[in-house]
Amino acid sequence: MSDQNDFFLNEKERRRQNQTPLMRQYWKIKDRHPGAILLFRMGDFYETFEQDAIVVSDVLGITLTKRGNGASEDTPLAGFPHHAIDQHLPKLVQAGHRVAVCEQLEDPKMARKIVKRGVVEVVTPGVAFRDTLLTPKHATYLAAVHWGEGREAGRAGVAFADATTGEFFVAETEAARLGHVLGTIAPAELIVDKRRRADGQRLAAGVGAALTPQEDWVFGLDFGTETLLRHFQTHSLKGFGVDDLDLGTVAAGAVLYYLGETQKGRLPHVNRIRRYRAEDHLALDPATKRNLELTASMADGRRDGSLVNVLDETQTPMGGRLLRQWLVRPLRDVSRIRARLDAVEALHTSGTLRR
């Protein structure tokens, strides 16, 4: 089997050596972002090649053509004008794809040979900063799950973050309750150890999230702890009140690593991590939320006609996100429910305070 793998690797390398300099540059960048569609900037167009081109052509409904590739065979090609990226990028991400945006890093007129190019942004279902990909009053969560083994068998760590607001939470729960916990979070993307891909697919399907398996070394306690300590520039997680959550620390480290990889380390707004107590909330599965039309109408799946649309008179995106969280994560603690009702009553009865 090893000899066969070596043969295919050598054949692949031989084919690439026969390619044009431009295509060799493309594959060098593509290899750094496995599993992502590479939008390769060429002049006024973003181009995609081979399997990426086939996927892009199908998702966007654009023409699939071919490009000459030196001594190698013709390569499937699909592209669109660079000014149309805000139109096409959301469609690719909403279809569950990771997209790496590769730009020209120098003026083509000043380039002596091939124009220098590099990936400036990786957009995924759970990590996006472009306005066209965001709903202001709807949080977009990236989540990770790590299953316990040995003495921790039967338990799991969960971490989730909103890359745009800096929210970052960690929790531990019974493995059997993972579906319920993720149901209250409703992540857009789920990260799991590639060895647990089957379990991850089941969880992701249950909450409608895109699944992104990662290498097993990302899911290690030492790696997770070091990643968190280095990011927060502290010597311990005790100050955050999460130092006893080993499984959660592993999941949190995987989330932070993934965010750093996609955003090239630009995460200064993620400045704290908080403990999330899933048991504080009533778990609502997707079918229940759909039947109650909490966030979308059963008729067409749109927000119009849903409970949140009827109630939402908030004036800011932050207020809208909070109201949505209250609706999909009902409290179980009576004292906290009463405190929330008392706050509403205080504003309702005092016009001066309300103004």
Protein backbone atom coordinates (compact mmCIF):
# COMPACT_ATOMS: atom_id res chain seq x y z
CA MET A 1 0.00 0.00 0.00
CA SER A 2 2.91 2.34 0.84
CA ASP A 3 4.51 1.73 -2.57
CA GLN A 4 1.17 2.45 -4.26
CA ASN A 5 0.76 5.72 -2.34
CA ASP A 6 4.33 6.74 -3.23
CA PHE A 7 3.57 6.05 -6.90
CA PHE A 8 0.50 8.30 -6.90
CA LEU A 9 2.34 11.05 -5.00
CA ASN A 10 5.25 10.93 -7.46
CA GLU A 11 2.84 10.92 -10.42
CA LYS A 12 1.04 13.91 -8.95
CA GLU A 13 4.34 15.76 -8.52
CA ARG A 14 5.41 14.88 -12.07
CA ARG A 15 2.18 16.30 -13.50
CA ARG A 16 2.62 19.49 -11.52
CA GLN A 17 6.16 19.97 -12.79
CA ASN A 18 4.75 19.93 -16.33
CA GLN A 19 2.24 22.65 -15.49
CA THR A 20 2.53 26.32 -16.26
CA PRO A 21 4.20 28.56 -13.61
CA LEU A 22 0.79 30.08 -12.83
CA MET A 23 -0.77 26.69 -12.10
CA ARG A 24 2.21 25.66 -9.98
CA GLN A 25 1.64 28.81 -7.92
CA TYR A 26 -2.05 27.95 -7.67
CA TRP A 27 -1.37 24.44 -6.34
CA LYS A 28 1.24 25.68 -3.87
CA ILE A 29 -1.40 27.96 -2.31
CA LYS A 30 -4.19 25.38 -2.66
CA ASP A 31 -2.18 22.75 -0.75
CA ARG A 32 -2.03 25.09 2.25
CA HIS A 33 -5.83 25.16 2.44
CA PRO A 34 -7.08 21.59 2.00
CA GLY A 35 -10.83 21.23 2.03
CA ALA A 36 -11.44 24.86 1.06
CA ILE A 37 -12.53 26.24 -2.29
CA LEU A 38 -9.76 28.57 -3.47
CA LEU A 39 -10.91 31.76 -5.20
CA PHE A 40 -7.75 32.62 -7.13
CA ARG A 41 -7.53 36.27 -8.21
CA MET A 42 -6.40 36.71 -11.81
CA GLY A 43 -6.74 40.31 -12.96
CA ASP A 44 -10.39 41.31 -12.77
CA PHE A 45 -11.64 37.76 -12.09
CA TYR A 46 -11.67 35.14 -9.37
CA GLU A 47 -10.93 31.77 -10.96
CA THR A 48 -11.35 28.22 -9.65
CA PHE A 49 -9.84 25.05 -11.08
CA GLU A 50 -10.42 21.30 -11.24
CA GLN A 51 -12.79 19.97 -8.54
CA ASP A 52 -13.29 23.46 -7.09
CA ALA A 53 -14.45 24.66 -10.50
CA ILE A 54 -16.97 21.83 -10.77
CA VAL A 55 -18.42 22.67 -7.33
CA VAL A 56 -18.50 26.42 -8.01
CA SER A 57 -20.15 25.90 -11.38
CA ASP A 58 -22.85 23.75 -9.79
CA VAL A 59 -23.53 25.99 -6.75
CA LEU A 60 -23.44 29.31 -8.58
CA GLY A 61 -24.92 28.12 -11.87
CA ILE A 62 -22.05 29.52 -13.94
CA THR A 63 -20.42 28.03 -17.02
CA LEU A 64 -17.72 25.37 -16.61
CA THR A 65 -14.93 25.75 -19.18
CA LYS A 66 -11.38 24.45 -19.62
CA ARG A 67 -7.95 26.04 -19.50
CA GLY A 68 -4.74 24.93 -21.18
CA ASN A 69 -2.20 23.76 -18.61
CA GLY A 70 1.18 23.49 -20.31
CA ALA A 71 2.18 19.94 -21.17
CA SER A 72 -0.53 18.65 -18.84
CA GLU A 73 -4.10 18.06 -19.87
CA ASP A 74 -6.74 20.79 -19.95
CA THR A 75 -8.02 21.86 -16.54
CA PRO A 76 -11.71 22.52 -15.65
CA LEU A 77 -12.19 26.24 -15.00
CA ALA A 78 -14.99 28.41 -13.58
CA GLY A 79 -14.76 32.06 -12.62
CA PHE A 80 -16.61 35.30 -12.03
CA PRO A 81 -15.76 39.06 -11.98
CA HIS A 82 -14.08 40.22 -8.77
CA HIS A 83 -16.78 42.82 -8.11
CA ALA A 84 -19.38 40.01 -7.91
CA ILE A 85 -17.77 38.34 -4.87
CA ASP A 86 -20.35 39.77 -2.44
CA GLN A 87 -23.03 38.17 -4.59
CA HIS A 88 -21.43 34.75 -4.99
CA LEU A 89 -19.50 34.20 -1.73
CA PRO A 90 -22.65 33.94 0.45
CA LYS A 91 -24.05 31.23 -1.84
CA LEU A 92 -20.91 29.11 -1.48
CA VAL A 93 -20.80 29.51 2.30
CA GLN A 94 -24.53 28.88 2.73
CA ALA A 95 -24.05 25.66 0.76
CA GLY A 96 -21.69 24.56 3.55
CA HIS A 97 -18.32 25.21 1.85
CA ARG A 98 -15.16 26.76 3.27
CA VAL A 99 -13.76 29.41 0.92
CA ALA A 100 -10.20 30.78 0.82
CA VAL A 101 -9.94 34.17 -0.90
CA CYS A 102 -6.59 34.54 -2.66
CA GLU A 103 -5.65 38.08 -3.77
CA GLN A 104 -2.87 39.60 -5.86
CA LEU A 105 -0.40 41.07 -3.36
CA GLU A 106 1.42 43.31 -5.80
CA ASP A 107 0.70 45.45 -8.82
CA PRO A 108 0.87 43.21 -11.92
CA LYS A 109 2.65 46.03 -13.77
CA MET A 110 5.48 45.90 -11.22
CA ALA A 111 5.83 42.11 -11.16
CA ARG A 112 8.91 40.73 -12.92
CA LYS A 113 7.52 37.20 -13.24
CA ILE A 114 4.38 35.68 -11.73
CA VAL A 115 2.33 38.13 -9.66
CA LYS A 116 2.73 37.46 -5.95
CA ARG A 117 -0.50 36.05 -4.48
CA GLY A 118 -1.69 34.95 -1.05
CA VAL A 119 -4.80 34.03 0.91
CA VAL A 120 -6.07 37.06 2.81
CA GLU A 121 -9.24 35.54 4.24
CA VAL A 122 -10.81 32.15 4.87
CA VAL A 123 -14.60 32.27 5.11
CA THR A 124 -16.56 29.38 6.58
CA PRO A 125 -20.19 28.87 7.66
CA GLY A 126 -19.16 29.61 11.25
CA VAL A 127 -16.51 32.29 10.66
CA ALA A 128 -17.46 35.28 8.55
CA PHE A 129 -16.97 39.03 8.86
CA ARG A 130 -18.45 40.27 5.59
CA ASP A 131 -21.73 42.15 5.96
CA THR A 132 -23.29 40.13 3.13
CA LEU A 133 -22.76 36.95 5.14
CA LEU A 134 -24.11 38.21 8.45
CA THR A 135 -27.56 38.78 9.89
CA PRO A 136 -27.07 41.62 12.42
CA LYS A 137 -29.61 40.29 14.93
CA HIS A 138 -28.58 36.65 14.60
CA ALA A 139 -25.40 35.28 16.22
CA THR A 140 -23.24 33.03 14.03
CA TYR A 141 -21.57 30.43 16.23
CA LEU A 142 -18.60 28.18 15.54
CA ALA A 143 -18.66 25.19 17.91
CA ALA A 144 -16.35 22.31 18.75
CA VAL A 145 -17.05 19.03 20.55
CA HIS A 146 -14.55 16.75 22.27
CA TRP A 147 -15.61 13.34 23.58
CA GLY A 148 -14.06 12.00 26.77
CA GLU A 149 -12.22 8.68 26.97
CA GLY A 150 -11.19 6.36 29.78
CA ARG A 151 -12.37 7.80 33.11
CA GLU A 152 -14.09 10.63 31.19
CA ALA A 153 -16.02 8.26 28.92
CA GLY A 154 -19.65 9.26 28.67
CA ARG A 155 -18.89 12.98 29.00
CA ALA A 156 -17.98 15.63 26.44
CA GLY A 157 -16.62 19.14 26.23
CA VAL A 158 -18.32 21.83 24.16
CA ALA A 159 -17.05 25.28 23.22
CA PHE A 160 -18.58 27.88 20.94
CA ALA A 161 -17.74 31.39 19.79
CA ASP A 162 -19.13 34.19 17.66
CA ALA A 163 -16.16 35.55 15.72
CA THR A 164 -17.83 38.91 15.07
CA THR A 165 -18.80 39.79 18.65
CA GLY A 166 -16.05 37.98 20.58
CA GLU A 167 -18.48 35.83 22.61
CA PHE A 168 -16.65 32.69 23.74
CA PHE A 169 -18.16 29.98 25.96
CA VAL A 170 -17.10 26.57 27.24
CA ALA A 171 -19.07 23.79 28.92
CA GLU A 172 -19.07 20.11 29.80
CA THR A 173 -22.04 17.78 29.64
CA GLU A 174 -23.09 14.17 29.38
CA ALA A 175 -22.28 12.85 25.92
CA ALA A 176 -25.88 11.66 25.57
CA ARG A 177 -27.07 15.29 25.94
CA LEU A 178 -24.80 16.75 23.26
CA GLY A 179 -27.65 17.03 20.78
CA HIS A 180 -29.74 19.00 23.28
CA VAL A 181 -26.86 21.32 24.19
CA LEU A 182 -26.01 22.04 20.57
CA GLY A 183 -29.71 22.55 19.89
CA THR A 184 -29.75 25.51 22.32
CA ILE A 185 -26.62 26.97 20.72
CA ALA A 186 -27.60 26.36 17.08
CA PRO A 187 -24.04 26.59 15.65
CA ALA A 188 -23.50 27.29 11.97
CA GLU A 189 -20.38 25.12 11.88
CA LEU A 190 -19.18 22.24 14.03
CA ILE A 191 -15.55 21.15 14.50
CA VAL A 192 -14.73 17.59 15.57
CA ASP A 193 -11.72 15.28 15.69
CA LYS A 194 -11.56 13.56 12.29
CA ARG A 195 -11.53 10.21 14.12
CA ARG A 196 -15.08 11.00 15.32
CA ARG A 197 -16.35 12.09 11.92
CA ALA A 198 -19.38 9.76 12.03
CA ASP A 199 -20.47 11.09 15.44
CA GLY A 200 -19.87 14.62 14.20
CA GLN A 201 -22.02 14.07 11.11
CA ARG A 202 -24.90 12.88 13.27
CA LEU A 203 -24.68 15.92 15.57
CA ALA A 204 -24.22 18.41 12.73
CA ALA A 205 -27.21 17.01 10.84
CA GLY A 206 -29.35 17.28 13.97
CA VAL A 207 -28.74 21.03 14.33
CA GLY A 208 -28.30 21.94 10.67
CA ALA A 209 -24.60 22.81 10.98
CA ALA A 210 -21.76 22.38 8.51
CA LEU A 211 -19.21 19.79 9.70
CA THR A 212 -15.45 20.46 9.61
CA PRO A 213 -13.26 17.57 10.83
CA GLN A 214 -9.81 18.57 12.09
CA GLU A 215 -6.56 16.71 12.70
CA ASP A 216 -6.42 14.69 15.91
CA TRP A 217 -3.49 16.69 17.35
CA VAL A 218 -5.76 19.77 17.53
CA PHE A 219 -7.82 17.89 20.15
CA GLY A 220 -5.24 17.51 22.90
CA LEU A 221 -5.37 18.90 26.45
CA ASP A 222 -1.84 20.28 26.39
CA PHE A 223 -2.40 21.88 22.99
CA GLY A 224 -5.74 23.37 24.03
CA THR A 225 -4.39 24.75 27.31
CA GLU A 226 -1.33 26.27 25.64
CA THR A 227 -3.46 27.81 22.87
CA LEU A 228 -5.80 29.48 25.37
CA LEU A 229 -3.05 30.69 27.72
CA ARG A 230 -1.03 32.14 24.85
CA HIS A 231 -4.06 33.94 23.40
CA PHE A 232 -5.25 35.40 26.72
CA GLN A 233 -1.66 36.07 27.85
CA THR A 234 -2.19 34.52 31.26
CA HIS A 235 -0.60 31.75 33.30
CA SER A 236 -3.84 30.04 34.30
CA LEU A 237 -7.49 29.70 33.32
CA LYS A 238 -8.53 29.95 36.96
CA GLY A 239 -9.42 33.62 36.62
CA PHE A 240 -12.04 32.70 34.02
CA GLY A 241 -13.57 30.04 36.26
CA VAL A 242 -13.09 27.25 33.72
CA ASP A 243 -9.84 25.65 34.90
CA ASP A 244 -11.67 22.48 36.02
CA LEU A 245 -13.12 21.78 32.57
CA ASP A 246 -10.47 19.61 30.91
CA LEU A 247 -12.76 18.32 28.13
CA GLY A 248 -14.09 21.83 27.60
CA THR A 249 -10.55 23.21 27.44
CA VAL A 250 -9.74 20.82 24.59
CA ALA A 251 -12.85 21.96 22.67
CA ALA A 252 -12.12 25.63 23.39
CA GLY A 253 -8.54 25.25 22.18
CA ALA A 254 -9.82 23.72 18.93
CA VAL A 255 -12.23 26.64 18.41
CA LEU A 256 -9.54 29.26 19.06
CA TYR A 257 -7.01 27.49 16.84
CA TYR A 258 -9.53 27.29 13.98
CA LEU A 259 -10.43 30.98 14.37
CA GLY A 260 -6.75 31.91 14.33
CA GLU A 261 -6.10 29.87 11.20
CA THR A 262 -9.01 31.36 9.27
CA GLN A 263 -8.47 34.95 10.41
CA LYS A 264 -4.66 34.91 10.38
CA GLY A 265 -4.51 35.57 14.11
CA ARG A 266 -6.62 38.77 14.01
CA LEU A 267 -8.67 38.06 17.16
CA PRO A 268 -8.02 40.84 19.71
CA HIS A 269 -11.75 41.19 20.43
CA VAL A 270 -11.93 37.62 21.76
CA ASN A 271 -10.65 38.69 25.17
CA ARG A 272 -12.35 36.34 27.62
CA ILE A 273 -13.93 32.92 27.92
CA ARG A 274 -16.99 32.20 30.03
CA ARG A 275 -18.56 29.11 31.49
CA TYR A 276 -21.82 28.05 29.84
CA ARG A 277 -24.24 26.10 32.01
CA ALA A 278 -26.43 24.14 29.62
CA GLU A 279 -28.51 22.85 32.51
CA ASP A 280 -29.72 26.41 33.17
CA HIS A 281 -31.77 26.31 29.98
CA LEU A 282 -34.63 24.20 28.68
CA ALA A 283 -33.38 22.31 25.63
CA LEU A 284 -35.52 22.89 22.54
CA ASP A 285 -34.84 20.55 19.65
CA PRO A 286 -35.04 21.85 16.05
CA ALA A 287 -38.48 20.26 15.53
CA THR A 288 -39.90 22.03 18.58
CA LYS A 289 -38.48 25.40 17.57
CA ARG A 290 -39.84 24.89 14.07
CA ASN A 291 -43.32 23.86 15.26
CA LEU A 292 -43.51 26.80 17.67
CA GLU A 293 -42.27 29.12 14.88
CA LEU A 294 -39.92 30.81 17.33
CA THR A 295 -37.46 32.15 14.78
CA ALA A 296 -38.91 31.16 11.40
CA SER A 297 -42.33 30.57 9.89
CA MET A 298 -43.25 26.97 9.06
CA ALA A 299 -44.87 28.14 5.84
CA ASP A 300 -41.74 29.38 4.09
CA GLY A 301 -38.91 29.20 6.61
CA ARG A 302 -38.59 32.99 6.66
CA ARG A 303 -38.35 35.21 9.74
CA ASP A 304 -41.55 37.02 8.75
CA GLY A 305 -44.44 35.71 10.83
CA SER A 306 -42.23 34.11 13.49
CA LEU A 307 -42.50 34.92 17.19
CA VAL A 308 -39.17 36.77 17.22
CA ASN A 309 -40.34 38.93 14.32
CA VAL A 310 -43.56 39.83 16.18
CA LEU A 311 -41.78 40.68 19.44
CA ASP A 312 -38.58 42.27 18.17
CA GLU A 313 -38.75 46.04 18.61
CA THR A 314 -35.11 46.25 19.67
CA GLN A 315 -33.10 49.20 18.42
CA THR A 316 -29.68 47.55 18.15
CA PRO A 317 -28.23 44.30 16.78
CA MET A 318 -27.05 43.44 20.32
CA GLY A 319 -30.59 43.74 21.65
CA GLY A 320 -31.95 41.64 18.80
CA ARG A 321 -29.41 38.87 19.44
CA LEU A 322 -30.19 38.87 23.16
CA LEU A 323 -33.94 38.64 22.57
CA ARG A 324 -33.40 35.75 20.18
CA GLN A 325 -31.25 33.94 22.76
CA TRP A 326 -33.95 34.37 25.41
CA LEU A 327 -36.52 32.82 23.08
CA VAL A 328 -34.51 29.77 22.04
CA ARG A 329 -32.87 29.22 25.46
CA PRO A 330 -35.73 29.41 28.00
CA LEU A 331 -34.57 29.67 31.62
CA ARG A 332 -35.25 26.85 34.07
CA ASP A 333 -34.35 28.68 37.29
CA VAL A 334 -37.48 30.30 38.80
CA SER A 335 -35.54 33.03 40.62
CA ARG A 336 -33.83 34.14 37.39
CA ILE A 337 -37.16 34.11 35.54
CA ARG A 338 -38.70 36.30 38.24
CA ALA A 339 -35.74 38.69 38.15
CA ARG A 340 -36.18 39.08 34.40
CA LEU A 341 -39.92 39.69 34.80
CA ASP A 342 -39.25 42.26 37.55
CA ALA A 343 -36.91 44.14 35.21
CA VAL A 344 -39.59 44.20 32.51
CA GLU A 345 -42.18 45.39 35.03
CA ALA A 346 -39.89 48.18 36.27
CA LEU A 347 -39.50 49.54 32.74
CA HIS A 348 -43.18 49.07 31.94
CA THR A 349 -44.46 50.95 35.00
CA SER A 350 -41.91 53.78 35.01
CA GLY A 351 -42.23 56.04 32.00
CA THR A 352 -39.42 58.28 33.23
CA LEU A 353 -37.00 55.35 33.61
CA ARG A 354 -38.08 53.95 30.26
CA ARG A 355 -37.45 57.26 28.46
